[in-house]
C-alpha cells in the first residue's frame, strides 16, 4: 500500500473491478479535497440524498 492511495475492492469482485484512487489534500491540512482515479478523473464530494455505495 502506498501513501496517499485508496484501494477500493467491491464485494462482488466477479462483477465489478478493483479501483485505485489517489487522495489529494487541501494545502496545509490533512483534509481530502478530492480523489483521482487511474485515468485521472476527478471525484469530488457531492450532495446526494441517497447513498450510492454502502459500506
PDB file of N, CA and C in Angstrom:
ATOM      1  N   UNK A   1       0.841  -1.181   0.000  1.00  0.00           N
ATOM      2  CA  UNK A   1       0.000   0.000   0.000  1.00  0.00           C
ATOM      3  C   UNK A   1       0.881   1.239   0.000  1.00  0.00           C
ATOM      4  N   UNK A   2       0.535   2.171  -0.836  1.00  0.00           N
ATOM      5  CA  UNK A   2       1.292   3.408  -0.942  1.00  0.00           C
ATOM      6  C   UNK A   2       0.627   4.507  -0.123  1.00  0.00           C
ATOM      7  N   UNK A   3       1.416   5.493   0.237  1.00  0.00           N
ATOM      8  CA  UNK A   3       0.882   6.641   0.971  1.00  0.00           C
ATOM      9  C   UNK A   3       0.000   7.468   0.036  1.00  0.00           C
ATOM     10  N   UNK A   4      -1.055   8.037   0.575  1.00  0.00           N
ATOM     11  CA  UNK A   4      -1.994   8.876  -0.168  1.00  0.00           C
ATOM     12  C   UNK A   4      -2.774   8.102  -1.225  1.00  0.00           C
ATOM     13  N   UNK A   5      -2.894   6.792  -1.081  1.00  0.00           N
ATOM     14  CA  UNK A   5      -3.640   5.964  -2.025  1.00  0.00           C
ATOM     15  C   UNK A   5      -4.816   5.323  -1.305  1.00  0.00           C
ATOM     16  N   UNK A   6      -5.916   5.137  -2.021  1.00  0.00           N
ATOM     17  CA  UNK A   6      -7.110   4.495  -1.502  1.00  0.00           C
ATOM     18  C   UNK A   6      -7.440   3.347  -2.450  1.00  0.00           C
ATOM     19  N   UNK A   7      -7.491   2.129  -1.919  1.00  0.00           N
ATOM     20  CA  UNK A   7      -7.776   0.949  -2.720  1.00  0.00           C
ATOM     21  C   UNK A   7      -9.196   0.484  -2.431  1.00  0.00           C
ATOM     22  N   UNK A   8     -10.035   0.416  -3.464  1.00  0.00           N
ATOM     23  CA  UNK A   8     -11.431   0.013  -3.316  1.00  0.00           C
ATOM     24  C   UNK A   8     -11.611  -1.364  -3.922  1.00  0.00           C
ATOM     25  N   UNK A   9     -12.049  -2.317  -3.092  1.00  0.00           N
ATOM     26  CA  UNK A   9     -12.334  -3.674  -3.544  1.00  0.00           C
ATOM     27  C   UNK A   9     -13.816  -3.946  -3.325  1.00  0.00           C
ATOM     28  N   UNK A  10     -14.593  -4.091  -4.390  1.00  0.00           N
ATOM     29  CA  UNK A  10     -16.033  -4.317  -4.244  1.00  0.00           C
ATOM     30  C   UNK A  10     -16.347  -5.707  -3.700  1.00  0.00           C
ATOM     31  N   UNK A  11     -17.510  -5.838  -3.066  1.00  0.00           N
ATOM     32  CA  UNK A  11     -17.954  -7.136  -2.558  1.00  0.00           C
ATOM     33  C   UNK A  11     -18.185  -8.129  -3.694  1.00  0.00           C
ATOM     34  N   UNK A  12     -18.705  -7.658  -4.804  1.00  0.00           N
ATOM     35  CA  UNK A  12     -18.975  -8.519  -5.957  1.00  0.00           C
ATOM     36  C   UNK A  12     -17.825  -8.393  -6.955  1.00  0.00           C
ATOM     37  N   UNK A  13     -16.680  -8.957  -6.597  1.00  0.00           N
ATOM     38  CA  UNK A  13     -15.481  -8.800  -7.428  1.00  0.00           C
ATOM     39  C   UNK A  13     -15.613  -9.476  -8.790  1.00  0.00           C
ATOM     40  N   UNK A  14     -16.532 -10.422  -8.925  1.00  0.00           N
ATOM     41  CA  UNK A  14     -16.732 -11.055 -10.235  1.00  0.00           C
ATOM     42  C   UNK A  14     -17.498 -10.143 -11.193  1.00  0.00           C
ATOM     43  N   UNK A  15     -18.194  -9.128 -10.653  1.00  0.00           N
ATOM     44  CA  UNK A  15     -18.974  -8.207 -11.469  1.00  0.00           C
ATOM     45  C   UNK A  15     -18.285  -6.854 -11.636  1.00  0.00           C
ATOM     46  N   UNK A  16     -17.624  -6.376 -10.569  1.00  0.00           N
ATOM     47  CA  UNK A  16     -17.013  -5.046 -10.581  1.00  0.00           C
ATOM     48  C   UNK A  16     -15.505  -5.142 -10.403  1.00  0.00           C
ATOM     49  N   UNK A  17     -14.787  -4.178 -10.983  1.00  0.00           N
ATOM     50  CA  UNK A  17     -13.330  -4.144 -10.907  1.00  0.00           C
ATOM     51  C   UNK A  17     -12.841  -3.490  -9.617  1.00  0.00           C
ATOM     52  N   UNK A  18     -11.638  -3.855  -9.204  1.00  0.00           N
ATOM     53  CA  UNK A  18     -10.970  -3.141  -8.113  1.00  0.00           C
ATOM     54  C   UNK A  18     -10.529  -1.801  -8.673  1.00  0.00           C
ATOM     55  N   UNK A  19     -10.529  -0.778  -7.818  1.00  0.00           N
ATOM     56  CA  UNK A  19     -10.121   0.548  -8.269  1.00  0.00           C
ATOM     57  C   UNK A  19      -9.119   1.138  -7.294  1.00  0.00           C
ATOM     58  N   UNK A  20      -8.221   1.954  -7.831  1.00  0.00           N
ATOM     59  CA  UNK A  20      -7.209   2.632  -7.032  1.00  0.00           C
ATOM     60  C   UNK A  20      -7.402   4.133  -7.213  1.00  0.00           C
ATOM     61  N   UNK A  21      -7.421   4.864  -6.107  1.00  0.00           N
ATOM     62  CA  UNK A  21      -7.602   6.311  -6.126  1.00  0.00           C
ATOM     63  C   UNK A  21      -6.448   6.982  -5.406  1.00  0.00           C
ATOM     64  N   UNK A  22      -6.040   8.143  -5.892  1.00  0.00           N
ATOM     65  CA  UNK A  22      -5.042   8.968  -5.206  1.00  0.00           C
ATOM     66  C   UNK A  22      -5.786  10.063  -4.463  1.00  0.00           C
ATOM     67  N   UNK A  23      -5.450  10.225  -3.184  1.00  0.00           N
ATOM     68  CA  UNK A  23      -6.086  11.257  -2.373  1.00  0.00           C
ATOM     69  C   UNK A  23      -5.324  12.565  -2.537  1.00  0.00           C
ATOM     70  N   UNK A  24      -6.038  13.636  -2.823  1.00  0.00           N
ATOM     71  CA  UNK A  24      -5.462  14.968  -2.967  1.00  0.00           C
ATOM     72  C   UNK A  24      -5.947  15.816  -1.808  1.00  0.00           C
ATOM     73  N   UNK A  25      -4.991  16.332  -1.036  1.00  0.00           N
ATOM     74  CA  UNK A  25      -5.308  17.064   0.181  1.00  0.00           C
ATOM     75  C   UNK A  25      -5.320  18.564  -0.045  1.00  0.00           C
ATOM     76  N   UNK A  26      -6.105  19.257   0.797  1.00  0.00           N
ATOM     77  CA  UNK A  26      -6.089  20.723   0.785  1.00  0.00           C
ATOM     78  C   UNK A  26      -4.734  21.190   1.308  1.00  0.00           C
ATOM     79  N   UNK A  27      -4.304  22.352   0.874  1.00  0.00           N
ATOM     80  CA  UNK A  27      -3.000  22.880   1.278  1.00  0.00           C
ATOM     81  C   UNK A  27      -2.933  23.044   2.791  1.00  0.00           C
ATOM     82  N   UNK A  28      -1.845  22.558   3.379  1.00  0.00           N
ATOM     83  CA  UNK A  28      -1.520  22.691   4.803  1.00  0.00           C
ATOM     84  C   UNK A  28      -2.508  22.004   5.747  1.00  0.00           C
ATOM     85  N   UNK A  29      -3.346  21.095   5.234  1.00  0.00           N
ATOM     86  CA  UNK A  29      -4.254  20.341   6.100  1.00  0.00           C
ATOM     87  C   UNK A  29      -4.201  18.874   5.697  1.00  0.00           C
ATOM     88  N   UNK A  30      -4.812  18.037   6.487  1.00  0.00           N
ATOM     89  CA  UNK A  30      -4.910  16.628   6.135  1.00  0.00           C
ATOM     90  C   UNK A  30      -6.315  16.276   5.666  1.00  0.00           C
ATOM     91  N   UNK A  31      -7.092  17.289   5.260  1.00  0.00           N
ATOM     92  CA  UNK A  31      -8.439  17.068   4.770  1.00  0.00           C
ATOM     93  C   UNK A  31      -8.389  16.758   3.272  1.00  0.00           C
ATOM     94  N   UNK A  32      -9.029  15.654   2.874  1.00  0.00           N
ATOM     95  CA  UNK A  32      -9.037  15.266   1.464  1.00  0.00           C
ATOM     96  C   UNK A  32      -9.973  16.190   0.702  1.00  0.00           C
ATOM     97  N   UNK A  33      -9.467  16.823  -0.352  1.00  0.00           N
ATOM     98  CA  UNK A  33     -10.315  17.721  -1.144  1.00  0.00           C
ATOM     99  C   UNK A  33     -10.964  16.980  -2.311  1.00  0.00           C
ATOM    100  N   UNK A  34     -10.253  16.021  -2.919  1.00  0.00           N
ATOM    101  CA  UNK A  34     -10.832  15.209  -3.987  1.00  0.00           C
ATOM    102  C   UNK A  34      -9.964  13.976  -4.218  1.00  0.00           C
ATOM    103  N   UNK A  35     -10.517  13.025  -4.977  1.00  0.00           N
ATOM    104  CA  UNK A  35      -9.797  11.811  -5.349  1.00  0.00           C
ATOM    105  C   UNK A  35      -9.605  11.807  -6.853  1.00  0.00           C
ATOM    106  N   UNK A  36      -8.529  11.203  -7.317  1.00  0.00           N
ATOM    107  CA  UNK A  36      -8.350  10.968  -8.751  1.00  0.00           C
ATOM    108  C   UNK A  36      -8.181   9.472  -8.954  1.00  0.00           C
ATOM    109  N   UNK A  37      -8.785   8.951 -10.023  1.00  0.00           N
ATOM    110  CA  UNK A  37      -8.665   7.522 -10.284  1.00  0.00           C
ATOM    111  C   UNK A  37      -7.513   7.255 -11.238  1.00  0.00           C
ATOM    112  N   UNK A  38      -7.399   6.014 -11.697  1.00  0.00           N
ATOM    113  CA  UNK A  38      -6.272   5.612 -12.533  1.00  0.00           C
ATOM    114  C   UNK A  38      -6.221   6.330 -13.878  1.00  0.00           C
ATOM    115  N   UNK A  39      -7.361   6.827 -14.353  1.00  0.00           N
ATOM    116  CA  UNK A  39      -7.402   7.544 -15.629  1.00  0.00           C
ATOM    117  C   UNK A  39      -7.475   9.054 -15.425  1.00  0.00           C
ATOM    118  N   UNK A  40      -7.103   9.530 -14.226  1.00  0.00           N
ATOM    119  CA  UNK A  40      -7.052  10.947 -13.859  1.00  0.00           C
ATOM    120  C   UNK A  40      -8.407  11.643 -13.879  1.00  0.00           C
ATOM    121  N   UNK A  41      -9.489  10.889 -13.690  1.00  0.00           N
ATOM    122  CA  UNK A  41     -10.804  11.506 -13.497  1.00  0.00           C
ATOM    123  C   UNK A  41     -10.885  11.996 -12.061  1.00  0.00           C
ATOM    124  N   UNK A  42     -11.430  13.196 -11.874  1.00  0.00           N
ATOM    125  CA  UNK A  42     -11.536  13.785 -10.548  1.00  0.00           C
ATOM    126  C   UNK A  42     -12.887  13.420  -9.941  1.00  0.00           C
ATOM    127  N   UNK A  43     -12.855  12.922  -8.720  1.00  0.00           N
ATOM    128  CA  UNK A  43     -14.072  12.579  -7.984  1.00  0.00           C
ATOM    129  C   UNK A  43     -14.154  13.500  -6.776  1.00  0.00           C
ATOM    130  N   UNK A  44     -15.226  14.304  -6.714  1.00  0.00           N
ATOM    131  CA  UNK A  44     -15.397  15.256  -5.627  1.00  0.00           C
ATOM    132  C   UNK A  44     -16.627  14.894  -4.802  1.00  0.00           C
ATOM    133  N   UNK A  45     -16.635  15.367  -3.580  1.00  0.00           N
ATOM    134  CA  UNK A  45     -17.782  15.171  -2.712  1.00  0.00           C
ATOM    135  C   UNK A  45     -18.959  15.954  -3.268  1.00  0.00           C
ATOM    136  N   UNK A  46     -20.121  15.333  -3.236  1.00  0.00           N
ATOM    137  CA  UNK A  46     -21.317  15.996  -3.716  1.00  0.00           C
ATOM    138  C   UNK A  46     -22.467  15.790  -2.754  1.00  0.00           C
ATOM    139  N   UNK A  47     -23.539  16.486  -2.989  1.00  0.00           N
ATOM    140  CA  UNK A  47     -24.738  16.321  -2.168  1.00  0.00           C
ATOM    141  C   UNK A  47     -25.609  15.250  -2.809  1.00  0.00           C
ATOM    142  N   UNK A  48     -25.859  14.188  -2.058  1.00  0.00           N
ATOM    143  CA  UNK A  48     -26.642  13.083  -2.560  1.00  0.00           C
ATOM    144  C   UNK A  48     -27.667  12.697  -1.493  1.00  0.00           C
ATOM    145  N   UNK A  49     -28.916  12.602  -1.881  1.00  0.00           N
ATOM    146  CA  UNK A  49     -29.969  12.276  -0.920  1.00  0.00           C
ATOM    147  C   UNK A  49     -29.959  10.819  -0.522  1.00  0.00           C
ATOM    148  N   UNK A  50     -29.516   9.931  -1.420  1.00  0.00           N
ATOM    149  CA  UNK A  50     -29.432   8.510  -1.128  1.00  0.00           C
ATOM    150  C   UNK A  50     -28.010   8.046  -1.393  1.00  0.00           C
ATOM    151  N   UNK A  51     -27.465   7.206  -0.529  1.00  0.00           N
ATOM    152  CA  UNK A  51     -26.084   6.725  -0.766  1.00  0.00           C
ATOM    153  C   UNK A  51     -26.013   5.869  -2.016  1.00  0.00           C
ATOM    154  N   UNK A  52     -24.947   6.065  -2.767  1.00  0.00           N
ATOM    155  CA  UNK A  52     -24.725   5.275  -3.972  1.00  0.00           C
ATOM    156  C   UNK A  52     -23.973   4.000  -3.633  1.00  0.00           C
ATOM    157  N   UNK A  53     -23.022   4.110  -2.715  1.00  0.00           N
ATOM    158  CA  UNK A  53     -22.224   2.970  -2.276  1.00  0.00           C
ATOM    159  C   UNK A  53     -22.436   2.806  -0.775  1.00  0.00           C
ATOM    160  N   UNK A  54     -22.808   1.636  -0.362  1.00  0.00           N
ATOM    161  CA  UNK A  54     -22.931   1.383   1.072  1.00  0.00           C
ATOM    162  C   UNK A  54     -21.755   0.530   1.515  1.00  0.00           C
ATOM    163  N   UNK A  55     -21.212   0.853   2.660  1.00  0.00           N
ATOM    164  CA  UNK A  55     -20.058   0.111   3.164  1.00  0.00           C
ATOM    165  C   UNK A  55     -20.387  -0.537   4.470  1.00  0.00           C
TER     166      UNK A  55
END
